[in-house]
Amino acid sequence: MFRYNIGMKLQKMLSGIKACIFDMDGTLVDSLGMWSDIDRRFFARYGMETPADYEKKINHMSFLEMAQFTKEEYQIPDSVETIMELWTEWSKEEYESEIQAKPGAQELLQFLKEQGIPLSLATTNRKELYEPCLRRNHLYAYFDHIMNVNEINSTKSEPKIYQLLAAKMNVKPEETLVFEDILIAVNTAHQAGFKVAAVYDKRNERDQQKIKTLSDFYFKSFLEEPEKL
């Protein structure tokens, strides 16, 4: 169980909650720094620096949409398929062997399971990347359902993925707590009537005040008590 005695605080957070939906990258696992390195490597391939606002523009998109947007916006000569192949090749080893769960993530999932709370994962990542990472970090088995936006032709700028997962778990949005780290996803879940637990990630630090305004709870770390907002 938790290294810090936060069980009682979590019990209060779960009042009226019948299910939880988690994002993966930046929420459960510390992978977003890796993507910054890949972005630099990718744009350097074409003699460019990473655009200053690139990450903010793409971080809610599906993998395919990221590739399509990047090709069109920055006039990349390679095909969309080649772009996706490059990103997958460069990131696959990291997901398989390097990327770690955020401290306390497994303890939190274990706690929720012990309370009888069904869990789902809503990710923008591809199965060949998220599955080995979740399995190696002992997180995969906690989830009753896993869905990525690529499967449903959607992004996290619309609530479709959260609504479909809530339906699979037979719960209403107001009975569902969504864990997310980026502003656009937090806003989407909030506007759709879900309860939101925001999770701090360094890459989204500039948006933290806006994120807090839209959230019901805030985790600076899973090893600390969540802040009631």
C-alpha atoms as a PDB file:
ATOM      1  CA  MET A   1       0.000   0.000   0.000  1.00  0.00           C
ATOM      2  CA  PHE A   2       1.035   3.645  -0.036  1.00  0.00           C
ATOM      3  CA  ARG A   3       4.273   4.768   1.533  1.00  0.00           C
ATOM      4  CA  TYR A   4       2.333   7.713   2.908  1.00  0.00           C
ATOM      5  CA  ASN A   5      -0.932   7.275   4.768  1.00  0.00           C
ATOM      6  CA  ILE A   6      -3.279   8.801   2.185  1.00  0.00           C
ATOM      7  CA  GLY A   7      -5.907   6.089   2.136  1.00  0.00           C
ATOM      8  CA  MET A   8      -8.475   8.159   4.034  1.00  0.00           C
ATOM      9  CA  LYS A   9      -7.986  11.116   1.691  1.00  0.00           C
ATOM     10  CA  LEU A  10      -8.499   8.855  -1.306  1.00  0.00           C
ATOM     11  CA  GLN A  11     -11.666   7.454   0.234  1.00  0.00           C
ATOM     12  CA  LYS A  12     -13.072  10.999   0.344  1.00  0.00           C
ATOM     13  CA  MET A  13     -12.074  11.527  -3.299  1.00  0.00           C
ATOM     14  CA  LEU A  14     -14.076   8.437  -4.266  1.00  0.00           C
ATOM     15  CA  SER A  15     -17.341   9.668  -2.736  1.00  0.00           C
ATOM     16  CA  GLY A  16     -20.004   9.101  -5.419  1.00  0.00           C
ATOM     17  CA  ILE A  17     -17.436   7.605  -7.815  1.00  0.00           C
ATOM     18  CA  LYS A  18     -18.215   4.219  -9.384  1.00  0.00           C
ATOM     19  CA  ALA A  19     -15.416   3.987 -11.987  1.00  0.00           C
ATOM     20  CA  CYS A  20     -12.133   5.610 -13.029  1.00  0.00           C
ATOM     21  CA  ILE A  21     -10.560   6.330 -16.423  1.00  0.00           C
ATOM     22  CA  PHE A  22      -6.799   6.909 -16.699  1.00  0.00           C
ATOM     23  CA  ASP A  23      -4.640   8.494 -19.353  1.00  0.00           C
ATOM     24  CA  MET A  24      -1.222   6.831 -19.724  1.00  0.00           C
ATOM     25  CA  ASP A  25       1.571   9.115 -20.990  1.00  0.00           C
ATOM     26  CA  GLY A  26       2.349  11.838 -18.477  1.00  0.00           C
ATOM     27  CA  THR A  27      -0.288  10.511 -16.074  1.00  0.00           C
ATOM     28  CA  LEU A  28       0.656   6.930 -15.180  1.00  0.00           C
ATOM     29  CA  VAL A  29       4.078   6.738 -16.850  1.00  0.00           C
ATOM     30  CA  ASP A  30       6.857   9.275 -17.219  1.00  0.00           C
ATOM     31  CA  SER A  31       7.267   9.202 -21.002  1.00  0.00           C
ATOM     32  CA  LEU A  32       6.742  12.723 -22.253  1.00  0.00           C
ATOM     33  CA  GLY A  33      10.401  13.713 -21.953  1.00  0.00           C
ATOM     34  CA  MET A  34      11.227  10.934 -24.381  1.00  0.00           C
ATOM     35  CA  TRP A  35       8.872  12.444 -26.945  1.00  0.00           C
ATOM     36  CA  SER A  36      10.680  15.786 -26.686  1.00  0.00           C
ATOM     37  CA  ASP A  37      13.887  13.985 -27.681  1.00  0.00           C
ATOM     38  CA  ILE A  38      12.124  12.260 -30.563  1.00  0.00           C
ATOM     39  CA  ASP A  39      10.676  15.576 -31.758  1.00  0.00           C
ATOM     40  CA  ARG A  40      14.164  17.104 -31.828  1.00  0.00           C
ATOM     41  CA  ARG A  41      15.552  14.103 -33.687  1.00  0.00           C
ATOM     42  CA  PHE A  42      12.672  14.117 -36.152  1.00  0.00           C
ATOM     43  CA  PHE A  43      12.833  17.793 -37.122  1.00  0.00           C
ATOM     44  CA  ALA A  44      16.639  17.702 -37.253  1.00  0.00           C
ATOM     45  CA  ARG A  45      16.256  15.022 -39.945  1.00  0.00           C
ATOM     46  CA  TYR A  46      14.745  17.754 -42.131  1.00  0.00           C
ATOM     47  CA  GLY A  47      17.106  20.528 -41.087  1.00  0.00           C
ATOM     48  CA  MET A  48      14.667  22.169 -38.664  1.00  0.00           C
ATOM     49  CA  GLU A  49      14.393  22.887 -34.966  1.00  0.00           C
ATOM     50  CA  THR A  50      11.320  21.700 -33.115  1.00  0.00           C
ATOM     51  CA  PRO A  51       8.651  24.427 -33.416  1.00  0.00           C
ATOM     52  CA  ALA A  52       8.088  26.126 -30.063  1.00  0.00           C
ATOM     53  CA  ASP A  53       4.351  25.325 -29.954  1.00  0.00           C
ATOM     54  CA  TYR A  54       4.547  21.896 -31.601  1.00  0.00           C
ATOM     55  CA  GLU A  55       3.880  19.801 -28.514  1.00  0.00           C
ATOM     56  CA  LYS A  56       0.869  21.857 -27.480  1.00  0.00           C
ATOM     57  CA  LYS A  57      -0.650  21.532 -30.959  1.00  0.00           C
ATOM     58  CA  ILE A  58      -0.388  17.733 -31.175  1.00  0.00           C
ATOM     59  CA  ASN A  59      -0.607  16.321 -27.640  1.00  0.00           C
ATOM     60  CA  HIS A  60      -4.354  15.561 -27.817  1.00  0.00           C
ATOM     61  CA  MET A  61      -4.298  14.038 -31.325  1.00  0.00           C
ATOM     62  CA  SER A  62      -4.324  10.416 -32.384  1.00  0.00           C
ATOM     63  CA  PHE A  63      -1.058   8.976 -33.696  1.00  0.00           C
ATOM     64  CA  LEU A  64      -2.309   9.173 -37.289  1.00  0.00           C
ATOM     65  CA  GLU A  65      -3.538  12.730 -36.886  1.00  0.00           C
ATOM     66  CA  MET A  66      -0.203  13.781 -35.407  1.00  0.00           C
ATOM     67  CA  ALA A  67       1.581  12.414 -38.465  1.00  0.00           C
ATOM     68  CA  GLN A  68      -0.877  13.989 -40.903  1.00  0.00           C
ATOM     69  CA  PHE A  69      -0.710  17.366 -39.173  1.00  0.00           C
ATOM     70  CA  THR A  70       3.090  17.301 -38.964  1.00  0.00           C
ATOM     71  CA  LYS A  71       3.485  16.463 -42.644  1.00  0.00           C
ATOM     72  CA  GLU A  72       1.086  19.170 -43.803  1.00  0.00           C
ATOM     73  CA  GLU A  73       1.963  21.920 -41.336  1.00  0.00           C
ATOM     74  CA  TYR A  74       5.728  21.659 -41.734  1.00  0.00           C
ATOM     75  CA  GLN A  75       5.877  20.401 -45.336  1.00  0.00           C
ATOM     76  CA  ILE A  76       7.635  17.156 -44.450  1.00  0.00           C
ATOM     77  CA  PRO A  77       8.623  15.328 -47.674  1.00  0.00           C
ATOM     78  CA  ASP A  78       8.198  11.795 -46.253  1.00  0.00           C
ATOM     79  CA  SER A  79       4.827  10.051 -46.315  1.00  0.00           C
ATOM     80  CA  VAL A  80       2.510   9.896 -43.325  1.00  0.00           C
ATOM     81  CA  GLU A  81       3.255   6.161 -43.108  1.00  0.00           C
ATOM     82  CA  THR A  82       7.015   6.795 -43.007  1.00  0.00           C
ATOM     83  CA  ILE A  83       6.587   9.413 -40.290  1.00  0.00           C
ATOM     84  CA  MET A  84       4.615   6.980 -38.129  1.00  0.00           C
ATOM     85  CA  GLU A  85       7.150   4.219 -38.765  1.00  0.00           C
ATOM     86  CA  LEU A  86       9.997   6.497 -37.670  1.00  0.00           C
ATOM     87  CA  TRP A  87       8.224   7.552 -34.486  1.00  0.00           C
ATOM     88  CA  THR A  88       7.318   3.950 -33.644  1.00  0.00           C
ATOM     89  CA  GLU A  89      10.838   2.677 -34.328  1.00  0.00           C
ATOM     90  CA  TRP A  90      12.480   5.391 -32.226  1.00  0.00           C
ATOM     91  CA  SER A  91      10.101   5.022 -29.296  1.00  0.00           C
ATOM     92  CA  LYS A  92       9.525   1.242 -29.238  1.00  0.00           C
ATOM     93  CA  GLU A  93      12.690   0.340 -27.359  1.00  0.00           C
ATOM     94  CA  GLU A  94      12.028   3.052 -24.771  1.00  0.00           C
ATOM     95  CA  TYR A  95       8.503   1.788 -24.102  1.00  0.00           C
ATOM     96  CA  GLU A  96       9.668  -1.810 -23.975  1.00  0.00           C
ATOM     97  CA  SER A  97      12.636  -1.362 -21.658  1.00  0.00           C
ATOM     98  CA  GLU A  98      13.119   2.141 -20.254  1.00  0.00           C
ATOM     99  CA  ILE A  99       9.978   4.157 -19.481  1.00  0.00           C
ATOM    100  CA  GLN A 100       8.943   3.875 -15.850  1.00  0.00           C
ATOM    101  CA  ALA A 101       5.633   4.208 -14.038  1.00  0.00           C
ATOM    102  CA  LYS A 102       5.271   7.349 -11.993  1.00  0.00           C
ATOM    103  CA  PRO A 103       5.982   6.737  -8.292  1.00  0.00           C
ATOM    104  CA  GLY A 104       2.846   5.537  -6.538  1.00  0.00           C
ATOM    105  CA  ALA A 105       0.939   4.742  -9.745  1.00  0.00           C
ATOM    106  CA  GLN A 106       0.735   1.005  -9.114  1.00  0.00           C
ATOM    107  CA  GLU A 107      -0.190   1.571  -5.471  1.00  0.00           C
ATOM    108  CA  LEU A 108      -3.037   3.848  -6.533  1.00  0.00           C
ATOM    109  CA  LEU A 109      -4.398   1.344  -9.050  1.00  0.00           C
ATOM    110  CA  GLN A 110      -4.143  -1.426  -6.454  1.00  0.00           C
ATOM    111  CA  PHE A 111      -6.003   0.716  -3.918  1.00  0.00           C
ATOM    112  CA  LEU A 112      -8.797   1.460  -6.393  1.00  0.00           C
ATOM    113  CA  LYS A 113      -9.143  -2.210  -7.284  1.00  0.00           C
ATOM    114  CA  GLU A 114      -9.380  -3.092  -3.604  1.00  0.00           C
ATOM    115  CA  GLN A 115     -12.299  -0.652  -3.329  1.00  0.00           C
ATOM    116  CA  GLY A 116     -14.086  -2.504  -6.150  1.00  0.00           C
ATOM    117  CA  ILE A 117     -13.675   0.391  -8.606  1.00  0.00           C
ATOM    118  CA  PRO A 118     -13.547  -0.694 -12.279  1.00  0.00           C
ATOM    119  CA  LEU A 119     -10.682   0.914 -14.210  1.00  0.00           C
ATOM    120  CA  SER A 120     -10.219   1.828 -17.868  1.00  0.00           C
ATOM    121  CA  LEU A 121      -7.345   3.306 -19.850  1.00  0.00           C
ATOM    122  CA  ALA A 122      -7.887   6.038 -22.468  1.00  0.00           C
ATOM    123  CA  THR A 123      -4.738   6.694 -24.478  1.00  0.00           C
ATOM    124  CA  THR A 124      -3.579   8.407 -27.665  1.00  0.00           C
ATOM    125  CA  ASN A 125      -0.793   5.836 -27.971  1.00  0.00           C
ATOM    126  CA  ARG A 126      -0.600   2.717 -30.129  1.00  0.00           C
ATOM    127  CA  LYS A 127      -0.994  -0.801 -28.753  1.00  0.00           C
ATOM    128  CA  GLU A 128       2.513  -1.876 -29.802  1.00  0.00           C
ATOM    129  CA  LEU A 129       3.870   0.886 -27.549  1.00  0.00           C
ATOM    130  CA  TYR A 130       1.490   1.039 -24.596  1.00  0.00           C
ATOM    131  CA  GLU A 131       1.030  -2.706 -23.981  1.00  0.00           C
ATOM    132  CA  PRO A 132       4.688  -3.701 -23.359  1.00  0.00           C
ATOM    133  CA  CYS A 133       5.201  -0.608 -21.214  1.00  0.00           C
ATOM    134  CA  LEU A 134       2.160  -1.304 -19.047  1.00  0.00           C
ATOM    135  CA  ARG A 135       3.034  -4.982 -18.691  1.00  0.00           C
ATOM    136  CA  ARG A 136       6.657  -4.324 -17.721  1.00  0.00           C
ATOM    137  CA  ASN A 137       5.530  -1.778 -15.112  1.00  0.00           C
ATOM    138  CA  HIS A 138       2.899  -4.214 -13.730  1.00  0.00           C
ATOM    139  CA  LEU A 139      -0.002  -1.892 -14.586  1.00  0.00           C
ATOM    140  CA  TYR A 140      -1.695  -3.735 -17.442  1.00  0.00           C
ATOM    141  CA  ALA A 141      -3.711  -6.220 -15.401  1.00  0.00           C
ATOM    142  CA  TYR A 142      -5.507  -3.517 -13.429  1.00  0.00           C
ATOM    143  CA  PHE A 143      -7.537  -2.331 -16.414  1.00  0.00           C
ATOM    144  CA  ASP A 144     -10.903  -3.798 -17.319  1.00  0.00           C
ATOM    145  CA  HIS A 145     -10.918  -1.909 -20.630  1.00  0.00           C
ATOM    146  CA  ILE A 146      -8.237  -0.233 -22.753  1.00  0.00           C
ATOM    147  CA  MET A 147      -9.070   2.050 -25.666  1.00  0.00           C
ATOM    148  CA  ASN A 148      -6.988   4.346 -27.824  1.00  0.00           C
ATOM    149  CA  VAL A 149      -8.282   7.256 -29.859  1.00  0.00           C
ATOM    150  CA  ASN A 150      -6.905   5.732 -33.059  1.00  0.00           C
ATOM    151  CA  GLU A 151      -9.426   2.875 -32.790  1.00  0.00           C
ATOM    152  CA  ILE A 152     -12.420   5.212 -32.697  1.00  0.00           C
ATOM    153  CA  ASN A 153     -11.246   7.929 -35.117  1.00  0.00           C
ATOM    154  CA  SER A 154     -11.213  10.531 -32.387  1.00  0.00           C
ATOM    155  CA  THR A 155      -8.949  12.778 -30.291  1.00  0.00           C
ATOM    156  CA  LYS A 156      -8.987  13.990 -26.717  1.00  0.00           C
ATOM    157  CA  SER A 157     -10.412  17.313 -27.832  1.00  0.00           C
ATOM    158  CA  GLU A 158     -13.752  15.505 -27.949  1.00  0.00           C
ATOM    159  CA  PRO A 159     -15.265  13.317 -25.188  1.00  0.00           C
ATOM    160  CA  LYS A 160     -15.988  10.231 -27.294  1.00  0.00           C
ATOM    161  CA  ILE A 161     -13.316   8.017 -25.719  1.00  0.00           C
ATOM    162  CA  TYR A 162     -14.417   8.855 -22.164  1.00  0.00           C
ATOM    163  CA  GLN A 163     -18.092   8.359 -23.008  1.00  0.00           C
ATOM    164  CA  LEU A 164     -17.494   4.990 -24.666  1.00  0.00           C
ATOM    165  CA  LEU A 165     -15.425   3.730 -21.738  1.00  0.00           C
ATOM    166  CA  ALA A 166     -18.010   4.940 -19.215  1.00  0.00           C
ATOM    167  CA  ALA A 167     -20.675   3.050 -21.181  1.00  0.00           C
ATOM    168  CA  LYS A 168     -18.537  -0.105 -21.123  1.00  0.00           C
ATOM    169  CA  MET A 169     -18.329   0.200 -17.328  1.00  0.00           C
ATOM    170  CA  ASN A 170     -22.066   0.980 -17.046  1.00  0.00           C
ATOM    171  CA  VAL A 171     -21.552   4.293 -15.263  1.00  0.00           C
ATOM    172  CA  LYS A 172     -22.609   7.896 -15.851  1.00  0.00           C
ATOM    173  CA  PRO A 173     -20.059  10.683 -16.455  1.00  0.00           C
ATOM    174  CA  GLU A 174     -20.754  12.257 -13.059  1.00  0.00           C
ATOM    175  CA  GLU A 175     -19.967   8.877 -11.446  1.00  0.00           C
ATOM    176  CA  THR A 176     -16.634   8.591 -13.269  1.00  0.00           C
ATOM    177  CA  LEU A 177     -13.285  10.085 -12.241  1.00  0.00           C
ATOM    178  CA  VAL A 178     -10.950  10.843 -15.159  1.00  0.00           C
ATOM    179  CA  PHE A 179      -7.199  11.115 -14.504  1.00  0.00           C
ATOM    180  CA  GLU A 180      -5.429  13.361 -17.054  1.00  0.00           C
ATOM    181  CA  ASP A 181      -2.354  15.587 -17.229  1.00  0.00           C
ATOM    182  CA  ILE A 182      -2.878  17.869 -20.253  1.00  0.00           C
ATOM    183  CA  LEU A 183      -5.130  20.921 -20.345  1.00  0.00           C
ATOM    184  CA  ILE A 184      -7.141  20.038 -23.441  1.00  0.00           C
ATOM    185  CA  ALA A 185      -8.038  16.568 -22.123  1.00  0.00           C
ATOM    186  CA  VAL A 186      -8.902  17.924 -18.671  1.00  0.00           C
ATOM    187  CA  ASN A 187     -11.167  20.512 -20.288  1.00  0.00           C
ATOM    188  CA  THR A 188     -12.827  17.915 -22.533  1.00  0.00           C
ATOM    189  CA  ALA A 189     -13.642  15.598 -19.640  1.00  0.00           C
ATOM    190  CA  HIS A 190     -14.825  18.491 -17.457  1.00  0.00           C
ATOM    191  CA  GLN A 191     -17.106  19.919 -20.151  1.00  0.00           C
ATOM    192  CA  ALA A 192     -18.609  16.454 -20.722  1.00  0.00           C
ATOM    193  CA  GLY A 193     -19.660  16.217 -17.061  1.00  0.00           C
ATOM    194  CA  PHE A 194     -16.959  13.864 -15.776  1.00  0.00           C
ATOM    195  CA  LYS A 195     -15.195  14.361 -12.477  1.00  0.00           C
ATOM    196  CA  VAL A 196     -11.524  15.130 -13.094  1.00  0.00           C
ATOM    197  CA  ALA A 197      -8.370  14.326 -11.143  1.00  0.00           C
ATOM    198  CA  ALA A 198      -5.525  16.304 -12.713  1.00  0.00           C
ATOM    199  CA  VAL A 199      -2.001  14.873 -12.479  1.00  0.00           C
ATOM    200  CA  TYR A 200       1.085  17.077 -12.530  1.00  0.00           C
ATOM    201  CA  ASP A 201       3.613  16.563 -15.285  1.00  0.00           C
ATOM    202  CA  LYS A 202       6.568  18.861 -15.817  1.00  0.00           C
ATOM    203  CA  ARG A 203       5.903  19.312 -19.529  1.00  0.00           C
ATOM    204  CA  ASN A 204       2.501  20.845 -18.748  1.00  0.00           C
ATOM    205  CA  GLU A 205       3.689  23.101 -15.941  1.00  0.00           C
ATOM    206  CA  ARG A 206       2.726  26.308 -17.767  1.00  0.00           C
ATOM    207  CA  ASP A 207      -0.940  25.170 -17.797  1.00  0.00           C
ATOM    208  CA  GLN A 208      -1.233  24.128 -14.160  1.00  0.00           C
ATOM    209  CA  GLN A 209      -3.426  26.988 -12.949  1.00  0.00           C
ATOM    210  CA  LYS A 210      -5.893  26.531 -15.816  1.00  0.00           C
ATOM    211  CA  ILE A 211      -5.851  22.770 -15.238  1.00  0.00           C
ATOM    212  CA  LYS A 212      -6.651  23.228 -11.550  1.00  0.00           C
ATOM    213  CA  THR A 213      -9.559  25.528 -12.366  1.00  0.00           C
ATOM    214  CA  LEU A 214     -11.183  22.769 -14.447  1.00  0.00           C
ATOM    215  CA  SER A 215     -10.447  19.863 -12.067  1.00  0.00           C
ATOM    216  CA  ASP A 216     -12.028  18.438  -8.940  1.00  0.00           C
ATOM    217  CA  PHE A 217      -8.790  17.010  -7.516  1.00  0.00           C
ATOM    218  CA  TYR A 218      -5.108  17.575  -8.176  1.00  0.00           C
ATOM    219  CA  PHE A 219      -2.179  15.194  -7.706  1.00  0.00           C
ATOM    220  CA  LYS A 220       1.247  16.782  -7.490  1.00  0.00           C
ATOM    221  CA  SER A 221       2.408  13.196  -6.962  1.00  0.00           C
ATOM    222  CA  PHE A 222       0.667   9.892  -6.368  1.00  0.00           C
ATOM    223  CA  LEU A 223       2.738   9.623  -3.183  1.00  0.00           C
ATOM    224  CA  GLU A 224       1.067  12.717  -1.742  1.00  0.00           C
ATOM    225  CA  GLU A 225      -2.479  13.484  -0.734  1.00  0.00           C
ATOM    226  CA  PRO A 226      -4.622  14.739  -3.611  1.00  0.00           C
ATOM    227  CA  GLU A 227      -5.626  18.383  -3.339  1.00  0.00           C
ATOM    228  CA  LYS A 228      -9.390  18.996  -3.248  1.00  0.00           C
ATOM    229  CA  LEU A 229     -10.194  21.868  -5.591  1.00  0.00           C
END
